[in-house]
């Protein structure tokens, strides 16, 4: 059995930190896209428009039933050449990466937002009708401000899940932590080795676990309101 090499474990961290910035960047951008799209999907589902609502439902079920990695490859190899061919390659990869993460998780956050909207008391909906508020104002001034705080903890959980799935983007040469370590040790026999991958896993744990604890505390606070 090969001896554990602590030097390789510590040598991996400079490359991990470099890739961490990219990982965090894609997590933030992907989360913002997922929140916005998810809320739009939820509002369409809640609107009751027969055709549009059903189409959104079918799209959500399709995305949720297929692997994220397959969606990344589809966007990169099929959609990207047709729509993004004139842009710099790095820009193409960023758009594909953020879109893949955003759309995939929007199909989960849509159900979260829909649950939050459904939890708004019926009296609030009736009040908007009684006050003759325009539909847009009813959503922006009454319903959404009450629905969103209820779902913040669930959204936080999906953000953490996204953070841990950003390494899938290394398949299209996004320079995250996994790609950095894999590339640096590519010429070595046996690749990065267990020491470097343990360092990567430890970094994910050190960042995601405290966030999970904070979200659990937030869930309790929201539940007590």
C-alpha atoms as a PDB file:
ATOM      1  CA  UNK A   1       0.000   0.000   0.000  1.00  0.00           C
ATOM      2  CA  UNK A   2       1.360   3.411  -1.002  1.00  0.00           C
ATOM      3  CA  UNK A   3       2.458   5.635   1.855  1.00  0.00           C
ATOM      4  CA  UNK A   4       0.340   8.699   2.597  1.00  0.00           C
ATOM      5  CA  UNK A   5       2.159  11.852   1.415  1.00  0.00           C
ATOM      6  CA  UNK A   6       1.338  14.824   3.617  1.00  0.00           C
ATOM      7  CA  UNK A   7       3.461  17.099   1.435  1.00  0.00           C
ATOM      8  CA  UNK A   8       1.146  16.527  -1.507  1.00  0.00           C
ATOM      9  CA  UNK A   9      -1.833  17.223   0.755  1.00  0.00           C
ATOM     10  CA  UNK A  10      -0.458  20.650   1.719  1.00  0.00           C
ATOM     11  CA  UNK A  11       0.869  21.416  -1.777  1.00  0.00           C
ATOM     12  CA  UNK A  12      -2.653  21.098  -3.176  1.00  0.00           C
ATOM     13  CA  UNK A  13      -4.094  24.028  -1.226  1.00  0.00           C
ATOM     14  CA  UNK A  14      -2.652  26.915  -3.307  1.00  0.00           C
ATOM     15  CA  UNK A  15      -4.347  25.463  -6.392  1.00  0.00           C
ATOM     16  CA  UNK A  16      -7.526  24.789  -4.426  1.00  0.00           C
ATOM     17  CA  UNK A  17      -7.704  28.427  -3.291  1.00  0.00           C
ATOM     18  CA  UNK A  18      -7.260  29.563  -6.876  1.00  0.00           C
ATOM     19  CA  UNK A  19     -10.106  27.340  -8.036  1.00  0.00           C
ATOM     20  CA  UNK A  20     -12.229  28.259  -5.018  1.00  0.00           C
ATOM     21  CA  UNK A  21     -12.766  31.774  -6.350  1.00  0.00           C
ATOM     22  CA  UNK A  22     -14.178  30.315  -9.556  1.00  0.00           C
ATOM     23  CA  UNK A  23     -16.353  27.859  -7.605  1.00  0.00           C
ATOM     24  CA  UNK A  24     -17.814  30.629  -5.446  1.00  0.00           C
ATOM     25  CA  UNK A  25     -18.341  32.863  -8.491  1.00  0.00           C
ATOM     26  CA  UNK A  26     -20.366  30.215 -10.317  1.00  0.00           C
ATOM     27  CA  UNK A  27     -22.307  29.389  -7.158  1.00  0.00           C
ATOM     28  CA  UNK A  28     -23.342  33.024  -6.700  1.00  0.00           C
ATOM     29  CA  UNK A  29     -24.234  33.606 -10.358  1.00  0.00           C
ATOM     30  CA  UNK A  30     -25.996  30.255 -10.661  1.00  0.00           C
ATOM     31  CA  UNK A  31     -27.979  30.890  -7.468  1.00  0.00           C
ATOM     32  CA  UNK A  32     -29.150  34.292  -8.654  1.00  0.00           C
ATOM     33  CA  UNK A  33     -30.267  32.792 -11.959  1.00  0.00           C
ATOM     34  CA  UNK A  34     -32.016  29.930 -10.150  1.00  0.00           C
ATOM     35  CA  UNK A  35     -33.851  32.288  -7.785  1.00  0.00           C
ATOM     36  CA  UNK A  36     -35.095  34.591 -10.546  1.00  0.00           C
ATOM     37  CA  UNK A  37     -36.102  31.790 -12.932  1.00  0.00           C
ATOM     38  CA  UNK A  38     -37.583  29.734 -10.115  1.00  0.00           C
ATOM     39  CA  UNK A  39     -39.802  32.604  -9.009  1.00  0.00           C
ATOM     40  CA  UNK A  40     -40.926  33.214 -12.601  1.00  0.00           C
ATOM     41  CA  UNK A  41     -41.713  29.510 -13.059  1.00  0.00           C
ATOM     42  CA  UNK A  42     -43.655  29.467  -9.785  1.00  0.00           C
ATOM     43  CA  UNK A  43     -45.687  32.521 -10.748  1.00  0.00           C
ATOM     44  CA  UNK A  44     -46.528  30.986 -14.128  1.00  0.00           C
ATOM     45  CA  UNK A  45     -47.582  27.731 -12.454  1.00  0.00           C
ATOM     46  CA  UNK A  46     -49.688  29.699  -9.967  1.00  0.00           C
ATOM     47  CA  UNK A  47     -51.234  31.842 -12.695  1.00  0.00           C
ATOM     48  CA  UNK A  48     -53.415  28.997 -13.895  1.00  0.00           C
ATOM     49  CA  UNK A  49     -52.872  29.797 -17.580  1.00  0.00           C
ATOM     50  CA  UNK A  50     -53.704  26.381 -19.036  1.00  0.00           C
ATOM     51  CA  UNK A  51     -51.162  25.974 -21.857  1.00  0.00           C
ATOM     52  CA  UNK A  52     -48.272  27.999 -20.433  1.00  0.00           C
ATOM     53  CA  UNK A  53     -48.617  26.494 -16.968  1.00  0.00           C
ATOM     54  CA  UNK A  54     -48.577  22.957 -18.382  1.00  0.00           C
ATOM     55  CA  UNK A  55     -45.559  23.677 -20.577  1.00  0.00           C
ATOM     56  CA  UNK A  56     -43.620  24.991 -17.573  1.00  0.00           C
ATOM     57  CA  UNK A  57     -44.644  21.910 -15.569  1.00  0.00           C
ATOM     58  CA  UNK A  58     -43.405  19.592 -18.336  1.00  0.00           C
ATOM     59  CA  UNK A  59     -40.115  21.504 -18.584  1.00  0.00           C
ATOM     60  CA  UNK A  60     -39.583  21.373 -14.813  1.00  0.00           C
ATOM     61  CA  UNK A  61     -40.255  17.639 -14.676  1.00  0.00           C
ATOM     62  CA  UNK A  62     -37.943  16.994 -17.635  1.00  0.00           C
ATOM     63  CA  UNK A  63     -35.045  18.958 -16.129  1.00  0.00           C
ATOM     64  CA  UNK A  64     -35.491  17.414 -12.695  1.00  0.00           C
ATOM     65  CA  UNK A  65     -35.549  13.934 -14.206  1.00  0.00           C
ATOM     66  CA  UNK A  66     -32.277  14.246 -16.129  1.00  0.00           C
ATOM     67  CA  UNK A  67     -28.720  14.504 -14.735  1.00  0.00           C
ATOM     68  CA  UNK A  68     -27.108  17.912 -14.461  1.00  0.00           C
ATOM     69  CA  UNK A  69     -23.986  16.635 -16.219  1.00  0.00           C
ATOM     70  CA  UNK A  70     -26.038  15.597 -19.259  1.00  0.00           C
ATOM     71  CA  UNK A  71     -27.627  19.050 -19.341  1.00  0.00           C
ATOM     72  CA  UNK A  72     -24.187  20.672 -19.195  1.00  0.00           C
ATOM     73  CA  UNK A  73     -22.976  18.600 -22.142  1.00  0.00           C
ATOM     74  CA  UNK A  74     -26.162  19.318 -24.122  1.00  0.00           C
ATOM     75  CA  UNK A  75     -25.818  23.076 -23.628  1.00  0.00           C
ATOM     76  CA  UNK A  76     -22.109  23.014 -24.400  1.00  0.00           C
ATOM     77  CA  UNK A  77     -22.033  20.748 -27.449  1.00  0.00           C
ATOM     78  CA  UNK A  78     -25.471  21.385 -28.986  1.00  0.00           C
ATOM     79  CA  UNK A  79     -26.739  24.829 -27.949  1.00  0.00           C
ATOM     80  CA  UNK A  80     -23.455  26.733 -27.572  1.00  0.00           C
ATOM     81  CA  UNK A  81     -22.186  26.394 -31.174  1.00  0.00           C
ATOM     82  CA  UNK A  82     -25.522  27.643 -32.534  1.00  0.00           C
ATOM     83  CA  UNK A  83     -26.126  30.588 -30.189  1.00  0.00           C
ATOM     84  CA  UNK A  84     -22.743  31.608 -28.768  1.00  0.00           C
ATOM     85  CA  UNK A  85     -20.333  30.787 -31.572  1.00  0.00           C
ATOM     86  CA  UNK A  86     -19.168  34.388 -32.070  1.00  0.00           C
ATOM     87  CA  UNK A  87     -18.189  34.990 -28.420  1.00  0.00           C
ATOM     88  CA  UNK A  88     -14.801  34.296 -26.794  1.00  0.00           C
ATOM     89  CA  UNK A  89     -14.482  30.691 -25.605  1.00  0.00           C
ATOM     90  CA  UNK A  90     -14.181  31.642 -21.920  1.00  0.00           C
ATOM     91  CA  UNK A  91     -17.361  33.719 -22.182  1.00  0.00           C
ATOM     92  CA  UNK A  92     -19.136  30.821 -23.867  1.00  0.00           C
ATOM     93  CA  UNK A  93     -18.132  28.490 -21.050  1.00  0.00           C
ATOM     94  CA  UNK A  94     -19.275  30.945 -18.402  1.00  0.00           C
ATOM     95  CA  UNK A  95     -22.674  31.413 -20.033  1.00  0.00           C
ATOM     96  CA  UNK A  96     -23.129  27.663 -20.409  1.00  0.00           C
ATOM     97  CA  UNK A  97     -22.031  26.982 -16.830  1.00  0.00           C
ATOM     98  CA  UNK A  98     -24.237  29.619 -15.216  1.00  0.00           C
ATOM     99  CA  UNK A  99     -27.183  28.688 -17.452  1.00  0.00           C
ATOM    100  CA  UNK A 100     -26.872  24.985 -16.672  1.00  0.00           C
ATOM    101  CA  UNK A 101     -26.714  25.567 -12.922  1.00  0.00           C
ATOM    102  CA  UNK A 102     -29.374  28.260 -12.954  1.00  0.00           C
ATOM    103  CA  UNK A 103     -31.931  26.375 -15.042  1.00  0.00           C
ATOM    104  CA  UNK A 104     -31.364  23.057 -13.256  1.00  0.00           C
ATOM    105  CA  UNK A 105     -31.834  24.511  -9.790  1.00  0.00           C
ATOM    106  CA  UNK A 106     -34.604  26.869 -10.910  1.00  0.00           C
ATOM    107  CA  UNK A 107     -36.709  23.761 -11.457  1.00  0.00           C
ATOM    108  CA  UNK A 108     -36.249  22.932  -7.768  1.00  0.00           C
ATOM    109  CA  UNK A 109     -36.572  26.451  -6.378  1.00  0.00           C
ATOM    110  CA  UNK A 110     -39.764  26.888  -8.427  1.00  0.00           C
ATOM    111  CA  UNK A 111     -41.480  24.331  -6.208  1.00  0.00           C
ATOM    112  CA  UNK A 112     -40.060  26.044  -3.127  1.00  0.00           C
ATOM    113  CA  UNK A 113     -41.411  29.419  -4.240  1.00  0.00           C
ATOM    114  CA  UNK A 114     -44.743  27.852  -5.153  1.00  0.00           C
ATOM    115  CA  UNK A 115     -45.041  26.389  -1.672  1.00  0.00           C
ATOM    116  CA  UNK A 116     -44.234  29.793  -0.182  1.00  0.00           C
ATOM    117  CA  UNK A 117     -46.851  31.491  -2.362  1.00  0.00           C
ATOM    118  CA  UNK A 118     -49.458  28.875  -1.464  1.00  0.00           C
ATOM    119  CA  UNK A 119     -48.686  29.486   2.222  1.00  0.00           C
ATOM    120  CA  UNK A 120     -49.734  33.141   1.996  1.00  0.00           C
ATOM    121  CA  UNK A 121     -53.142  33.373   3.730  1.00  0.00           C
ATOM    122  CA  UNK A 122     -56.153  33.476   1.407  1.00  0.00           C
ATOM    123  CA  UNK A 123     -57.241  36.674   3.149  1.00  0.00           C
ATOM    124  CA  UNK A 124     -54.227  38.463   1.670  1.00  0.00           C
ATOM    125  CA  UNK A 125     -55.302  37.497  -1.842  1.00  0.00           C
ATOM    126  CA  UNK A 126     -58.847  38.595  -1.079  1.00  0.00           C
ATOM    127  CA  UNK A 127     -57.566  41.915   0.262  1.00  0.00           C
ATOM    128  CA  UNK A 128     -55.764  42.670  -3.006  1.00  0.00           C
ATOM    129  CA  UNK A 129     -59.011  42.018  -4.871  1.00  0.00           C
ATOM    130  CA  UNK A 130     -61.045  44.129  -2.437  1.00  0.00           C
ATOM    131  CA  UNK A 131     -58.578  47.010  -2.825  1.00  0.00           C
ATOM    132  CA  UNK A 132     -58.718  46.609  -6.600  1.00  0.00           C
ATOM    133  CA  UNK A 133     -54.938  46.368  -6.798  1.00  0.00           C
ATOM    134  CA  UNK A 134     -53.509  45.683 -10.255  1.00  0.00           C
ATOM    135  CA  UNK A 135     -52.290  42.087 -10.562  1.00  0.00           C
ATOM    136  CA  UNK A 136     -48.663  43.205 -10.832  1.00  0.00           C
ATOM    137  CA  UNK A 137     -48.837  45.271  -7.646  1.00  0.00           C
ATOM    138  CA  UNK A 138     -50.577  42.468  -5.823  1.00  0.00           C
ATOM    139  CA  UNK A 139     -47.632  40.208  -6.595  1.00  0.00           C
ATOM    140  CA  UNK A 140     -44.813  42.686  -5.973  1.00  0.00           C
ATOM    141  CA  UNK A 141     -46.254  44.535  -2.959  1.00  0.00           C
ATOM    142  CA  UNK A 142     -48.288  41.896  -1.110  1.00  0.00           C
ATOM    143  CA  UNK A 143     -47.723  38.270  -2.097  1.00  0.00           C
ATOM    144  CA  UNK A 144     -44.005  37.988  -2.890  1.00  0.00           C
ATOM    145  CA  UNK A 145     -42.833  39.981   0.200  1.00  0.00           C
ATOM    146  CA  UNK A 146     -44.753  37.500   2.370  1.00  0.00           C
ATOM    147  CA  UNK A 147     -43.818  34.351   0.440  1.00  0.00           C
ATOM    148  CA  UNK A 148     -40.061  34.831   0.057  1.00  0.00           C
ATOM    149  CA  UNK A 149     -39.069  35.011   3.764  1.00  0.00           C
ATOM    150  CA  UNK A 150     -40.813  31.671   4.324  1.00  0.00           C
ATOM    151  CA  UNK A 151     -38.625  29.906   1.762  1.00  0.00           C
ATOM    152  CA  UNK A 152     -35.208  31.471   2.439  1.00  0.00           C
ATOM    153  CA  UNK A 153     -33.895  28.431   4.391  1.00  0.00           C
ATOM    154  CA  UNK A 154     -34.876  26.043   1.590  1.00  0.00           C
ATOM    155  CA  UNK A 155     -33.209  28.296  -0.973  1.00  0.00           C
ATOM    156  CA  UNK A 156     -30.079  28.283   1.166  1.00  0.00           C
ATOM    157  CA  UNK A 157     -30.024  24.493   1.116  1.00  0.00           C
ATOM    158  CA  UNK A 158     -30.163  24.483  -2.680  1.00  0.00           C
ATOM    159  CA  UNK A 159     -27.348  27.032  -2.832  1.00  0.00           C
ATOM    160  CA  UNK A 160     -25.150  24.733  -0.756  1.00  0.00           C
ATOM    161  CA  UNK A 161     -26.087  21.821  -3.013  1.00  0.00           C
ATOM    162  CA  UNK A 162     -25.153  23.901  -6.050  1.00  0.00           C
ATOM    163  CA  UNK A 163     -21.801  24.806  -4.476  1.00  0.00           C
ATOM    164  CA  UNK A 164     -20.989  21.108  -4.217  1.00  0.00           C
ATOM    165  CA  UNK A 165     -22.037  20.450  -7.829  1.00  0.00           C
ATOM    166  CA  UNK A 166     -20.023  23.227  -9.479  1.00  0.00           C
ATOM    167  CA  UNK A 167     -17.152  20.699  -9.977  1.00  0.00           C
ATOM    168  CA  UNK A 168     -19.288  19.087 -12.690  1.00  0.00           C
ATOM    169  CA  UNK A 169     -18.442  22.139 -14.787  1.00  0.00           C
ATOM    170  CA  UNK A 170     -14.828  20.968 -14.901  1.00  0.00           C
ATOM    171  CA  UNK A 171     -16.079  18.670 -17.694  1.00  0.00           C
ATOM    172  CA  UNK A 172     -16.256  21.748 -19.957  1.00  0.00           C
ATOM    173  CA  UNK A 173     -12.954  23.217 -18.681  1.00  0.00           C
ATOM    174  CA  UNK A 174     -14.330  25.556 -16.012  1.00  0.00           C
ATOM    175  CA  UNK A 175     -11.320  26.206 -13.764  1.00  0.00           C
ATOM    176  CA  UNK A 176     -12.889  25.289 -10.430  1.00  0.00           C
ATOM    177  CA  UNK A 177     -11.132  23.517  -7.551  1.00  0.00           C
ATOM    178  CA  UNK A 178     -11.462  20.052  -9.062  1.00  0.00           C
ATOM    179  CA  UNK A 179     -10.172  21.107 -12.477  1.00  0.00           C
ATOM    180  CA  UNK A 180      -7.232  22.983 -10.940  1.00  0.00           C
ATOM    181  CA  UNK A 181      -6.082  19.992  -8.905  1.00  0.00           C
ATOM    182  CA  UNK A 182      -6.697  17.509 -11.725  1.00  0.00           C
ATOM    183  CA  UNK A 183      -4.714  19.627 -14.190  1.00  0.00           C
ATOM    184  CA  UNK A 184      -1.767  20.379 -11.901  1.00  0.00           C
ATOM    185  CA  UNK A 185      -1.172  16.696 -11.156  1.00  0.00           C
ATOM    186  CA  UNK A 186      -2.147  15.372 -14.597  1.00  0.00           C
ATOM    187  CA  UNK A 187       1.456  14.525 -15.516  1.00  0.00           C
ATOM    188  CA  UNK A 188       2.100  12.609 -12.273  1.00  0.00           C
ATOM    189  CA  UNK A 189       1.780   8.846 -12.117  1.00  0.00           C
ATOM    190  CA  UNK A 190      -1.575   8.095 -10.520  1.00  0.00           C
ATOM    191  CA  UNK A 191      -2.806  11.652 -11.029  1.00  0.00           C
ATOM    192  CA  UNK A 192      -3.578  13.916  -8.081  1.00  0.00           C
ATOM    193  CA  UNK A 193      -3.664  11.030  -5.629  1.00  0.00           C
ATOM    194  CA  UNK A 194      -5.850  10.606  -2.545  1.00  0.00           C
ATOM    195  CA  UNK A 195      -4.014  13.337  -0.618  1.00  0.00           C
ATOM    196  CA  UNK A 196      -4.933  16.116  -3.036  1.00  0.00           C
ATOM    197  CA  UNK A 197      -8.530  14.921  -3.390  1.00  0.00           C
ATOM    198  CA  UNK A 198      -8.832  14.691   0.379  1.00  0.00           C
ATOM    199  CA  UNK A 199      -7.725  18.330   0.541  1.00  0.00           C
ATOM    200  CA  UNK A 200     -10.435  19.255  -1.985  1.00  0.00           C
ATOM    201  CA  UNK A 201     -13.091  17.380  -0.027  1.00  0.00           C
ATOM    202  CA  UNK A 202     -11.956  18.958   3.224  1.00  0.00           C
ATOM    203  CA  UNK A 203     -12.284  22.409   1.659  1.00  0.00           C
ATOM    204  CA  UNK A 204     -15.849  21.700   0.543  1.00  0.00           C
ATOM    205  CA  UNK A 205     -16.686  20.406   4.017  1.00  0.00           C
ATOM    206  CA  UNK A 206     -15.094  23.394   5.775  1.00  0.00           C
ATOM    207  CA  UNK A 207     -17.182  25.812   3.713  1.00  0.00           C
ATOM    208  CA  UNK A 208     -20.494  23.991   3.339  1.00  0.00           C
ATOM    209  CA  UNK A 209     -20.963  22.598   6.854  1.00  0.00           C
ATOM    210  CA  UNK A 210     -20.971  25.980   8.690  1.00  0.00           C
ATOM    211  CA  UNK A 211     -23.440  27.256   6.100  1.00  0.00           C
ATOM    212  CA  UNK A 212     -25.658  24.226   6.743  1.00  0.00           C
ATOM    213  CA  UNK A 213     -25.614  24.935  10.473  1.00  0.00           C
ATOM    214  CA  UNK A 214     -26.577  28.575   9.893  1.00  0.00           C
ATOM    215  CA  UNK A 215     -29.421  27.547   7.597  1.00  0.00           C
ATOM    216  CA  UNK A 216     -30.779  25.103  10.190  1.00  0.00           C
ATOM    217  CA  UNK A 217     -30.809  27.915  12.748  1.00  0.00           C
ATOM    218  CA  UNK A 218     -32.542  30.153  10.220  1.00  0.00           C
ATOM    219  CA  UNK A 219     -35.150  27.452   9.595  1.00  0.00           C
ATOM    220  CA  UNK A 220     -35.957  27.357  13.306  1.00  0.00           C
ATOM    221  CA  UNK A 221     -36.229  31.132  13.463  1.00  0.00           C
ATOM    222  CA  UNK A 222     -38.518  31.273  10.428  1.00  0.00           C
ATOM    223  CA  UNK A 223     -40.659  28.457  11.838  1.00  0.00           C
ATOM    224  CA  UNK A 224     -41.139  30.387  15.083  1.00  0.00           C
ATOM    225  CA  UNK A 225     -42.398  33.520  13.338  1.00  0.00           C
END
